[in-house]
N, C-alpha and C. Protein backbone atom coordinates (compact mmCIF):
# COMPACT_ATOMS: atom_id res chain seq x y z
N MET A 1 234.57 2.10 160.53
CA MET A 1 233.98 0.96 160.73
C MET A 1 234.20 0.35 162.09
N SER A 2 233.30 -0.16 162.70
CA SER A 2 233.63 -0.72 164.08
C SER A 2 234.18 -2.06 163.92
N LYS A 3 234.75 -2.54 164.98
CA LYS A 3 235.38 -3.82 165.07
C LYS A 3 234.37 -4.94 164.72
N SER A 4 233.22 -4.90 165.16
CA SER A 4 232.24 -5.87 164.95
C SER A 4 231.89 -6.04 163.47
N SER A 5 231.83 -4.88 162.84
CA SER A 5 231.44 -4.98 161.33
C SER A 5 232.68 -5.55 160.57
N LYS A 6 233.83 -5.30 160.98
CA LYS A 6 235.00 -5.79 160.32
C LYS A 6 235.10 -7.33 160.60
N LYS A 7 234.67 -7.79 161.78
CA LYS A 7 234.63 -9.20 162.07
C LYS A 7 233.55 -9.84 161.20
N LYS A 8 232.39 -9.28 161.00
CA LYS A 8 231.44 -9.81 160.19
C LYS A 8 231.78 -9.88 158.78
N GLN A 9 232.47 -8.67 158.35
CA GLN A 9 232.97 -8.73 156.87
C GLN A 9 234.04 -9.76 156.65
N SER A 10 234.89 -9.91 157.65
CA SER A 10 236.00 -11.01 157.38
C SER A 10 235.44 -12.39 157.47
N ALA A 11 234.36 -12.54 158.27
CA ALA A 11 233.76 -13.81 158.38
C ALA A 11 233.06 -14.21 157.20
N SER A 12 232.33 -13.09 156.56
CA SER A 12 231.67 -13.46 155.21
C SER A 12 232.70 -13.57 154.09
N SER A 13 233.81 -12.86 154.21
CA SER A 13 234.85 -13.11 153.14
C SER A 13 235.47 -14.62 153.36
N ASN A 14 235.51 -15.04 154.56
CA ASN A 14 236.02 -16.40 154.76
C ASN A 14 234.99 -17.43 154.23
N THR A 15 233.79 -17.17 154.44
CA THR A 15 232.84 -18.18 153.84
C THR A 15 232.96 -18.14 152.39
N SER A 16 232.99 -16.86 151.67
CA SER A 16 233.19 -16.73 150.18
C SER A 16 234.37 -17.46 149.83
N ASP A 17 235.43 -17.28 150.64
CA ASP A 17 236.80 -18.02 150.11
C ASP A 17 236.48 -19.55 150.20
N ALA A 18 235.77 -19.94 151.30
CA ALA A 18 235.52 -21.56 151.42
C ALA A 18 234.75 -21.92 150.12
N LYS A 19 233.72 -21.07 149.76
CA LYS A 19 232.90 -21.49 148.55
C LYS A 19 233.75 -21.49 147.31
N THR A 20 234.64 -20.59 147.18
CA THR A 20 235.51 -20.45 145.92
C THR A 20 236.53 -21.60 145.96
N ALA A 21 236.97 -21.87 147.31
CA ALA A 21 237.93 -23.15 147.41
C ALA A 21 237.25 -24.33 146.88
N GLU A 22 235.89 -24.54 147.10
CA GLU A 22 235.22 -25.72 146.68
C GLU A 22 234.96 -25.72 145.28
N VAL A 23 234.87 -24.48 144.64
CA VAL A 23 234.39 -24.44 143.24
C VAL A 23 235.67 -24.66 142.31
N VAL A 24 236.82 -24.07 142.80
CA VAL A 24 238.06 -24.04 142.01
C VAL A 24 238.50 -25.46 141.60
N PRO A 25 238.52 -26.52 142.52
CA PRO A 25 238.86 -27.83 142.12
C PRO A 25 237.92 -28.33 141.12
N SER A 26 236.69 -28.07 141.18
CA SER A 26 235.81 -28.67 140.26
C SER A 26 235.88 -28.12 138.90
N SER A 27 236.28 -26.77 138.84
CA SER A 27 236.42 -26.03 137.57
C SER A 27 237.80 -26.58 136.98
N ILE A 28 238.77 -26.77 137.76
CA ILE A 28 240.07 -27.20 137.32
C ILE A 28 239.88 -28.71 136.70
N SER A 29 239.28 -29.51 137.42
CA SER A 29 239.03 -30.79 136.99
C SER A 29 238.19 -30.95 135.76
N GLY A 30 237.51 -29.93 135.32
CA GLY A 30 236.77 -29.88 134.08
C GLY A 30 235.49 -30.25 134.34
N ALA A 31 234.68 -29.41 135.03
CA ALA A 31 233.32 -29.80 135.33
C ALA A 31 232.51 -29.94 134.03
N GLY A 32 231.67 -30.84 133.85
CA GLY A 32 230.95 -31.02 132.66
C GLY A 32 231.65 -31.95 131.61
N LYS A 33 232.89 -32.31 131.93
CA LYS A 33 233.61 -33.06 130.99
C LYS A 33 233.98 -34.55 131.67
N THR A 34 234.18 -35.43 130.86
CA THR A 34 234.50 -36.82 131.54
C THR A 34 235.96 -36.65 132.15
N ALA A 35 236.23 -37.23 133.35
CA ALA A 35 237.40 -37.09 133.86
C ALA A 35 238.22 -38.27 133.25
N PHE A 36 239.60 -38.06 133.30
CA PHE A 36 240.54 -38.98 132.79
C PHE A 36 240.59 -40.21 133.65
N LYS A 37 240.35 -41.35 133.05
CA LYS A 37 240.43 -42.53 133.85
C LYS A 37 241.71 -43.36 133.47
N PRO A 38 242.59 -43.59 134.32
CA PRO A 38 243.78 -44.32 133.90
C PRO A 38 243.40 -45.73 133.53
N LYS A 39 244.08 -46.21 132.52
CA LYS A 39 243.73 -47.65 131.94
C LYS A 39 244.52 -48.66 132.73
N THR A 40 243.91 -49.73 132.95
CA THR A 40 244.56 -50.94 133.50
C THR A 40 245.46 -51.72 132.51
N PRO A 41 246.36 -52.39 132.92
CA PRO A 41 247.29 -53.17 131.88
C PRO A 41 246.45 -53.95 130.80
N GLU A 42 245.32 -54.50 131.50
CA GLU A 42 244.64 -55.34 130.44
C GLU A 42 243.89 -54.55 129.43
N GLU A 43 243.37 -53.29 129.75
CA GLU A 43 242.75 -52.38 128.89
C GLU A 43 243.79 -51.86 127.76
N LYS A 44 245.04 -51.57 128.38
CA LYS A 44 246.00 -51.14 127.44
C LYS A 44 246.38 -52.15 126.51
N LYS A 45 246.46 -53.37 126.86
CA LYS A 45 246.86 -54.56 125.90
C LYS A 45 245.63 -54.83 124.97
N GLN A 46 244.33 -54.70 125.47
CA GLN A 46 243.18 -54.79 124.44
C GLN A 46 243.36 -53.64 123.46
N VAL A 47 243.58 -52.50 123.88
CA VAL A 47 243.61 -51.29 122.86
C VAL A 47 244.77 -51.47 121.90
N HIS A 48 245.87 -51.93 122.33
CA HIS A 48 247.01 -52.21 121.44
C HIS A 48 246.66 -53.42 120.44
N ILE A 49 245.99 -54.40 120.88
CA ILE A 49 245.63 -55.56 119.98
C ILE A 49 244.55 -55.02 118.99
N ASP A 50 243.58 -54.14 119.47
CA ASP A 50 242.66 -53.63 118.51
C ASP A 50 243.29 -52.73 117.45
N GLY A 51 244.26 -52.04 117.92
CA GLY A 51 244.94 -51.14 116.90
C GLY A 51 245.80 -52.01 115.82
N ILE A 52 246.32 -53.12 116.32
CA ILE A 52 247.00 -54.01 115.30
C ILE A 52 245.98 -54.77 114.36
N ILE A 53 244.89 -55.03 114.87
CA ILE A 53 243.84 -55.74 114.08
C ILE A 53 243.33 -54.71 112.94
N LYS A 54 243.05 -53.39 113.45
CA LYS A 54 242.61 -52.39 112.55
C LYS A 54 243.64 -52.12 111.37
N THR A 55 244.94 -52.13 111.72
CA THR A 55 245.93 -51.86 110.74
C THR A 55 246.15 -53.17 109.85
N VAL A 56 246.03 -54.28 110.33
CA VAL A 56 246.16 -55.42 109.53
C VAL A 56 244.95 -55.54 108.53
N VAL A 57 243.73 -55.32 108.99
CA VAL A 57 242.53 -55.41 108.09
C VAL A 57 242.62 -54.29 106.98
N ALA A 58 243.06 -53.14 107.42
CA ALA A 58 243.13 -51.99 106.46
C ALA A 58 244.27 -52.37 105.44
N SER A 59 245.26 -52.94 105.83
CA SER A 59 246.40 -53.28 104.91
C SER A 59 246.08 -54.40 104.09
N ILE A 60 245.42 -55.38 104.43
CA ILE A 60 244.92 -56.47 103.59
C ILE A 60 243.93 -56.01 102.51
N ILE A 61 242.94 -54.99 102.89
CA ILE A 61 242.08 -54.59 101.87
C ILE A 61 242.82 -53.77 100.88
N GLY A 62 243.82 -52.94 101.31
CA GLY A 62 244.65 -52.08 100.35
C GLY A 62 245.42 -53.04 99.43
N ILE A 63 245.96 -54.08 99.79
CA ILE A 63 246.75 -54.98 99.10
C ILE A 63 245.76 -55.58 98.06
N ILE A 64 244.64 -56.11 98.42
CA ILE A 64 243.60 -56.67 97.53
C ILE A 64 243.24 -55.62 96.58
N ALA A 65 242.88 -54.39 96.94
CA ALA A 65 242.47 -53.34 96.05
C ALA A 65 243.59 -53.07 94.98
N GLY A 66 244.82 -53.10 95.30
CA GLY A 66 246.04 -52.93 94.56
C GLY A 66 246.06 -53.96 93.48
N VAL A 67 245.88 -55.14 93.83
CA VAL A 67 245.98 -56.42 92.84
C VAL A 67 244.70 -56.26 92.06
N ILE A 68 243.59 -55.95 92.42
CA ILE A 68 242.42 -55.88 91.57
C ILE A 68 242.53 -54.64 90.57
N ILE A 69 243.03 -53.57 91.00
CA ILE A 69 243.19 -52.45 89.99
C ILE A 69 244.29 -52.84 89.03
N PHE A 70 245.32 -53.52 89.33
CA PHE A 70 246.41 -53.96 88.42
C PHE A 70 245.72 -55.01 87.41
N THR A 71 245.06 -55.96 87.91
CA THR A 71 244.48 -56.92 87.00
C THR A 71 243.42 -56.32 86.05
N GLN A 72 242.60 -55.40 86.60
CA GLN A 72 241.48 -54.72 85.70
C GLN A 72 242.08 -53.64 84.86
N LEU A 73 242.90 -52.80 85.23
CA LEU A 73 243.43 -51.64 84.53
C LEU A 73 244.76 -51.80 84.06
N GLY A 74 245.58 -52.62 84.56
CA GLY A 74 246.98 -52.70 84.22
C GLY A 74 247.72 -51.35 84.43
N VAL A 75 248.29 -50.68 83.51
CA VAL A 75 249.03 -49.47 83.59
C VAL A 75 247.98 -48.35 83.87
N GLY A 76 246.83 -48.43 83.39
CA GLY A 76 245.79 -47.40 83.61
C GLY A 76 246.07 -46.17 82.87
N ASP A 77 246.65 -46.28 81.63
CA ASP A 77 247.04 -45.06 80.76
C ASP A 77 246.01 -44.53 79.84
N ALA A 78 244.87 -45.20 80.02
CA ALA A 78 243.77 -44.81 79.17
C ALA A 78 243.35 -43.29 79.70
N PRO A 79 243.12 -42.50 78.75
CA PRO A 79 242.82 -41.03 79.01
C PRO A 79 241.49 -40.86 79.79
N GLU A 80 240.53 -41.68 79.63
CA GLU A 80 239.32 -41.60 80.26
C GLU A 80 239.27 -42.07 81.70
N ILE A 81 240.35 -42.74 82.13
CA ILE A 81 240.40 -43.20 83.43
C ILE A 81 241.32 -42.39 84.19
N LYS A 82 240.98 -41.83 85.32
CA LYS A 82 241.74 -40.82 86.09
C LYS A 82 242.07 -41.60 87.43
N TRP A 83 243.37 -41.49 87.70
CA TRP A 83 243.81 -42.23 88.98
C TRP A 83 243.08 -41.77 90.20
N TYR A 84 242.82 -40.54 90.34
CA TYR A 84 242.09 -40.03 91.52
C TYR A 84 240.79 -40.51 91.66
N ALA A 85 240.04 -40.73 90.62
CA ALA A 85 238.71 -41.35 90.61
C ALA A 85 238.86 -42.79 91.15
N ILE A 86 239.81 -43.47 90.58
CA ILE A 86 240.06 -44.84 91.14
C ILE A 86 240.31 -44.92 92.65
N LEU A 87 241.19 -43.97 93.08
CA LEU A 87 241.41 -44.00 94.56
C LEU A 87 240.14 -43.61 95.35
N THR A 88 239.29 -42.76 94.87
CA THR A 88 238.13 -42.33 95.52
C THR A 88 237.19 -43.49 95.62
N ILE A 89 237.11 -44.34 94.54
CA ILE A 89 236.19 -45.41 94.54
C ILE A 89 236.83 -46.58 95.44
N VAL A 90 238.16 -46.59 95.47
CA VAL A 90 238.65 -47.66 96.40
C VAL A 90 238.48 -47.18 97.89
N ALA A 91 238.56 -45.94 98.20
CA ALA A 91 238.22 -45.48 99.51
C ALA A 91 236.88 -45.71 99.98
N ALA A 92 235.91 -45.40 99.13
CA ALA A 92 234.38 -45.57 99.47
C ALA A 92 234.17 -47.13 99.70
N LEU A 93 234.67 -47.99 98.63
CA LEU A 93 234.36 -49.35 98.79
C LEU A 93 235.03 -49.91 100.11
N SER A 94 236.26 -49.58 100.37
CA SER A 94 236.97 -50.03 101.55
C SER A 94 236.20 -49.59 102.83
N TYR A 95 235.79 -48.39 102.85
CA TYR A 95 234.94 -47.94 104.03
C TYR A 95 233.79 -48.91 104.28
N TYR A 96 232.99 -49.26 103.27
CA TYR A 96 231.90 -50.05 103.58
C TYR A 96 232.35 -51.54 103.72
N ALA A 97 233.53 -52.01 103.17
CA ALA A 97 234.08 -53.36 103.50
C ALA A 97 234.42 -53.29 104.89
N MET A 98 234.98 -52.29 105.35
CA MET A 98 235.56 -52.35 106.82
C MET A 98 234.38 -52.25 107.84
N ARG A 99 233.30 -51.49 107.40
CA ARG A 99 232.13 -51.59 108.30
C ARG A 99 231.47 -52.92 108.49
N LEU A 100 231.70 -53.78 107.40
CA LEU A 100 231.36 -55.12 107.53
C LEU A 100 232.22 -56.08 108.17
N ILE A 101 233.53 -55.94 108.04
CA ILE A 101 234.48 -56.80 108.52
C ILE A 101 234.81 -56.54 110.08
N PHE A 102 234.88 -55.25 110.41
CA PHE A 102 235.31 -55.10 111.80
C PHE A 102 234.43 -55.68 112.84
N PRO A 103 233.18 -55.76 112.72
CA PRO A 103 232.37 -56.56 113.70
C PRO A 103 232.64 -57.98 113.75
N LEU A 104 233.15 -58.51 112.61
CA LEU A 104 233.54 -59.93 112.62
C LEU A 104 234.73 -60.26 113.50
N VAL A 105 235.63 -59.22 113.57
CA VAL A 105 236.87 -59.37 114.29
C VAL A 105 236.76 -58.69 115.70
N LYS A 106 235.45 -58.46 116.02
CA LYS A 106 235.09 -57.99 117.46
C LYS A 106 235.61 -56.60 117.72
N ILE A 107 235.59 -55.63 116.59
CA ILE A 107 235.83 -54.19 116.77
C ILE A 107 234.73 -53.47 116.37
N ASN A 108 234.15 -52.53 117.16
CA ASN A 108 233.01 -51.88 117.04
C ASN A 108 233.25 -50.61 116.07
N PRO A 109 232.80 -50.65 114.98
CA PRO A 109 233.12 -49.38 114.06
C PRO A 109 232.20 -48.18 114.47
N LYS A 110 231.21 -48.34 115.30
CA LYS A 110 230.54 -47.33 115.76
C LYS A 110 231.27 -46.43 116.75
N ASP A 111 232.30 -46.92 117.27
CA ASP A 111 233.25 -46.17 118.30
C ASP A 111 234.22 -45.33 117.50
N PHE A 112 234.29 -45.46 116.20
CA PHE A 112 235.31 -44.82 115.53
C PHE A 112 234.94 -43.41 115.32
N GLY A 113 236.00 -42.57 115.52
CA GLY A 113 235.82 -40.99 115.15
C GLY A 113 236.40 -40.75 113.71
N PHE A 114 236.48 -39.53 113.45
CA PHE A 114 237.02 -39.12 112.14
C PHE A 114 238.54 -39.49 112.02
N LYS A 115 239.21 -39.27 113.16
CA LYS A 115 240.70 -39.69 113.16
C LYS A 115 240.84 -41.21 112.85
N ASP A 116 240.04 -41.96 113.39
CA ASP A 116 240.26 -43.44 113.19
C ASP A 116 239.89 -43.87 111.78
N TRP A 117 238.85 -43.21 111.22
CA TRP A 117 238.60 -43.66 109.88
C TRP A 117 239.48 -43.05 108.87
N PHE A 118 239.99 -41.83 109.18
CA PHE A 118 241.15 -41.24 108.45
C PHE A 118 242.34 -42.17 108.31
N TYR A 119 242.75 -42.61 109.59
CA TYR A 119 243.81 -43.47 109.66
C TYR A 119 243.66 -44.79 108.91
N VAL A 120 242.56 -45.45 108.93
CA VAL A 120 242.49 -46.76 108.27
C VAL A 120 242.30 -46.50 106.75
N GLU A 121 241.62 -45.39 106.35
CA GLU A 121 241.48 -45.11 104.99
C GLU A 121 242.84 -44.74 104.34
N PHE A 122 243.66 -43.99 105.21
CA PHE A 122 245.07 -43.71 104.62
C PHE A 122 245.84 -44.85 104.43
N ILE A 123 245.79 -45.88 105.28
CA ILE A 123 246.51 -47.12 105.10
C ILE A 123 245.91 -47.95 103.94
N VAL A 124 244.65 -47.96 103.74
CA VAL A 124 244.20 -48.64 102.51
C VAL A 124 244.68 -48.12 101.17
N ILE A 125 244.58 -46.71 101.14
CA ILE A 125 244.98 -46.01 99.95
C ILE A 125 246.55 -46.27 99.79
N ASN A 126 247.30 -46.09 100.85
CA ASN A 126 248.73 -46.21 100.78
C ASN A 126 249.13 -47.63 100.23
N PHE A 127 248.58 -48.67 100.87
CA PHE A 127 248.86 -50.00 100.54
C PHE A 127 248.34 -50.40 99.12
N CYS A 128 247.21 -49.80 98.64
CA CYS A 128 246.78 -49.92 97.30
C CYS A 128 247.77 -49.29 96.28
N MET A 129 248.15 -48.11 96.63
CA MET A 129 249.16 -47.48 95.68
C MET A 129 250.49 -48.15 95.55
N VAL A 130 251.02 -48.64 96.73
CA VAL A 130 252.29 -49.24 96.81
C VAL A 130 252.10 -50.62 96.00
N THR A 131 251.06 -51.33 96.27
CA THR A 131 250.87 -52.65 95.73
C THR A 131 250.84 -52.47 94.08
N TRP A 132 249.94 -51.48 93.68
CA TRP A 132 249.82 -51.22 92.17
C TRP A 132 251.18 -50.82 91.66
N THR A 133 251.93 -49.98 92.32
CA THR A 133 253.28 -49.55 91.81
C THR A 133 254.16 -50.75 91.68
N LEU A 134 254.35 -51.56 92.70
CA LEU A 134 255.09 -52.78 92.63
C LEU A 134 254.72 -53.72 91.52
N LEU A 135 253.44 -53.77 91.39
CA LEU A 135 253.06 -54.81 90.30
C LEU A 135 253.29 -54.16 88.89
N LEU A 136 253.34 -52.98 88.77
CA LEU A 136 253.53 -52.28 87.51
C LEU A 136 255.12 -52.36 87.16
N ASN A 137 255.91 -52.55 88.05
CA ASN A 137 257.23 -52.63 87.77
C ASN A 137 257.59 -54.15 87.42
């Protein structure tokens, strides 16, 4: 190869390196995905307050459900009544109750993902079972 062809080849490799250098940062930053935006202290505080409100609402619904189950079923030792059916009904009713209550306390339930609903339903079932157990003793 002549010197001029080597220069042309190196010049073309430099431009391809420049192109890859431009592409690499965009692929590392996750092209096509939303970039991570740091939250301001006000946003962090609002997220924290929303989390507390979600937990309190779910806890209150769970306590109310536990008291209602105790007053209606008592020990619940009837063979035709299954405890897992009761908890499924409580979970379904609490889901719809929270879909109505959350907008009243300025939380948008449409922003909830599976993890959020799983979290609040777990709290409802947990508080329901604990309340029912304490009232049985």
